[in-house]
Amino acid sequence: MGNWDIWYIFTFLTAAYKMTSLLMRIMMENKMIKQFETVRTTVTLPVGLVNRSQHFIDSGTIPSRNMLIVTALEQFLLELEREEIDRQFEAMADDADYQLLNEQIAEEFAESDWEALEESA
């Protein structure tokens, strides 16, 4: 077998792997998307973002731009929700009614807390 034969076999196997990998990613994406009710919408994206994302699509890092957008949007919304929860906890620190309730609960459980501490020692 000559060098060219090996090169052709390698090229064929590489292409076959990429096709199999691409098909598997597409199937996984379709399965994931089908788990949820979806709505078709149109977005306008800056050219730079499209170009940057295309690199990762072409390399197989992500199966599609749609999956990238869904994943990025999910992560962004999770972060906003965490920030909202943090703001609510911060507000509780200044809430006199909450502080009173918290002290009452602590007093009600103080005896059982001490009992549990003594038993563990």
Protein backbone atom coordinates (compact mmCIF):
# COMPACT_ATOMS: atom_id res chain seq x y z
CA MET A 1 0.00 0.00 0.00
CA GLY A 2 1.48 3.32 -1.04
CA ASN A 3 1.40 6.66 0.75
CA TRP A 4 -1.44 7.86 -1.48
CA ASP A 5 -3.53 4.81 -0.60
CA ILE A 6 -3.05 5.48 3.10
CA TRP A 7 -3.90 9.15 2.56
CA TYR A 8 -7.13 8.24 0.72
CA ILE A 9 -8.14 5.74 3.42
CA PHE A 10 -7.38 8.28 6.14
CA THR A 11 -9.36 10.98 4.28
CA PHE A 12 -12.30 8.62 3.79
CA LEU A 13 -12.32 7.52 7.44
CA THR A 14 -12.06 11.12 8.62
CA ALA A 15 -14.98 12.16 6.40
CA ALA A 16 -17.02 9.13 7.55
CA TYR A 17 -16.34 9.99 11.19
CA LYS A 18 -17.35 13.61 10.67
CA MET A 19 -20.58 12.57 8.92
CA THR A 20 -21.44 10.06 11.66
CA SER A 21 -20.63 12.61 14.33
CA LEU A 22 -22.71 15.27 12.57
CA LEU A 23 -25.66 12.92 12.16
CA MET A 24 -25.49 11.93 15.83
CA ARG A 25 -25.39 15.59 16.92
CA ILE A 26 -28.37 16.41 14.69
CA MET A 27 -30.31 13.46 16.10
CA MET A 28 -29.45 14.53 19.67
CA GLU A 29 -30.49 18.11 18.95
CA ASN A 30 -33.78 17.02 17.41
CA LYS A 31 -34.49 14.72 20.36
CA MET A 32 -33.70 17.49 22.84
CA ILE A 33 -35.80 20.09 21.03
CA LYS A 34 -38.74 17.68 20.69
CA GLN A 35 -38.87 17.38 24.50
CA PHE A 36 -40.20 20.91 24.69
CA GLU A 37 -43.01 22.77 23.06
CA THR A 38 -41.33 25.14 20.63
CA VAL A 39 -42.21 28.32 18.80
CA ARG A 40 -40.58 29.35 15.55
CA THR A 41 -39.29 32.91 15.70
CA THR A 42 -36.92 35.11 13.77
CA VAL A 43 -33.94 36.89 15.29
CA THR A 44 -31.61 39.45 13.81
CA LEU A 45 -28.00 38.81 14.78
CA PRO A 46 -24.89 40.91 14.35
CA VAL A 47 -22.66 39.61 11.55
CA GLY A 48 -19.77 39.22 13.99
CA LEU A 49 -21.75 36.86 16.21
CA VAL A 50 -22.84 34.79 13.22
CA ASN A 51 -19.25 34.53 12.01
CA ARG A 52 -17.91 33.64 15.45
CA SER A 53 -20.58 31.01 15.99
CA GLN A 54 -20.02 29.49 12.53
CA HIS A 55 -16.51 28.45 13.56
CA PHE A 56 -17.92 26.29 16.38
CA ILE A 57 -20.65 24.87 14.16
CA ASP A 58 -18.13 23.94 11.46
CA SER A 59 -15.78 22.35 14.00
CA GLY A 60 -18.63 20.27 15.45
CA THR A 61 -18.41 21.84 18.88
CA ILE A 62 -22.10 22.72 18.65
CA PRO A 63 -24.60 21.01 16.38
CA SER A 64 -26.33 24.16 15.12
CA ARG A 65 -26.75 27.87 15.62
CA ASN A 66 -30.24 27.19 16.94
CA MET A 67 -28.84 24.96 19.70
CA LEU A 68 -26.26 27.62 20.54
CA ILE A 69 -28.96 30.28 20.85
CA VAL A 70 -31.22 28.03 22.96
CA THR A 71 -28.34 27.10 25.27
CA ALA A 72 -27.08 30.68 25.59
CA LEU A 73 -30.57 32.03 26.26
CA GLU A 74 -31.19 29.36 28.90
CA GLN A 75 -27.91 30.21 30.67
CA PHE A 76 -28.61 33.95 30.50
CA LEU A 77 -32.12 33.53 31.94
CA LEU A 78 -30.82 31.28 34.75
CA GLU A 79 -28.31 33.99 35.68
CA LEU A 80 -31.03 36.67 35.70
CA GLU A 81 -33.21 34.46 37.90
CA ARG A 82 -30.31 33.89 40.33
CA GLU A 83 -29.73 37.64 40.52
CA GLU A 84 -33.43 38.21 41.20
CA ILE A 85 -33.39 35.67 44.05
CA ASP A 86 -30.27 37.34 45.49
CA ARG A 87 -32.04 40.74 45.40
CA GLN A 88 -35.01 39.24 47.23
CA PHE A 89 -32.73 37.81 49.94
CA GLU A 90 -31.01 41.19 50.28
CA ALA A 91 -34.42 42.83 50.77
CA MET A 92 -35.25 40.29 53.50
CA ALA A 93 -32.24 41.48 55.50
CA ASP A 94 -33.95 44.87 55.95
CA ASP A 95 -37.48 43.48 56.44
CA ALA A 96 -38.47 43.88 60.11
CA ASP A 97 -41.38 41.42 59.84
CA TYR A 98 -39.10 38.77 58.36
CA GLN A 99 -36.48 39.35 61.06
CA LEU A 100 -39.12 38.95 63.78
CA LEU A 101 -40.41 35.72 62.22
CA ASN A 102 -36.87 34.41 61.88
CA GLU A 103 -36.17 35.10 65.58
CA GLN A 104 -39.42 33.36 66.61
CA ILE A 105 -38.54 30.27 64.58
CA ALA A 106 -35.02 30.21 66.03
CA GLU A 107 -36.41 30.41 69.57
CA GLU A 108 -38.90 27.61 68.91
CA PHE A 109 -36.16 25.28 67.68
CA ALA A 110 -33.46 26.33 70.17
CA GLU A 111 -34.17 23.52 72.65
CA SER A 112 -34.24 20.77 70.00
CA ASP A 113 -31.08 22.21 68.42
CA TRP A 114 -29.25 21.94 71.76
CA GLU A 115 -30.51 18.37 72.26
CA ALA A 116 -29.29 17.36 68.83
CA LEU A 117 -25.91 19.02 69.48
CA GLU A 118 -25.49 17.20 72.81
CA GLU A 119 -26.40 13.85 71.24
CA SER A 120 -23.86 14.27 68.47
CA ALA A 121 -21.05 15.14 70.89
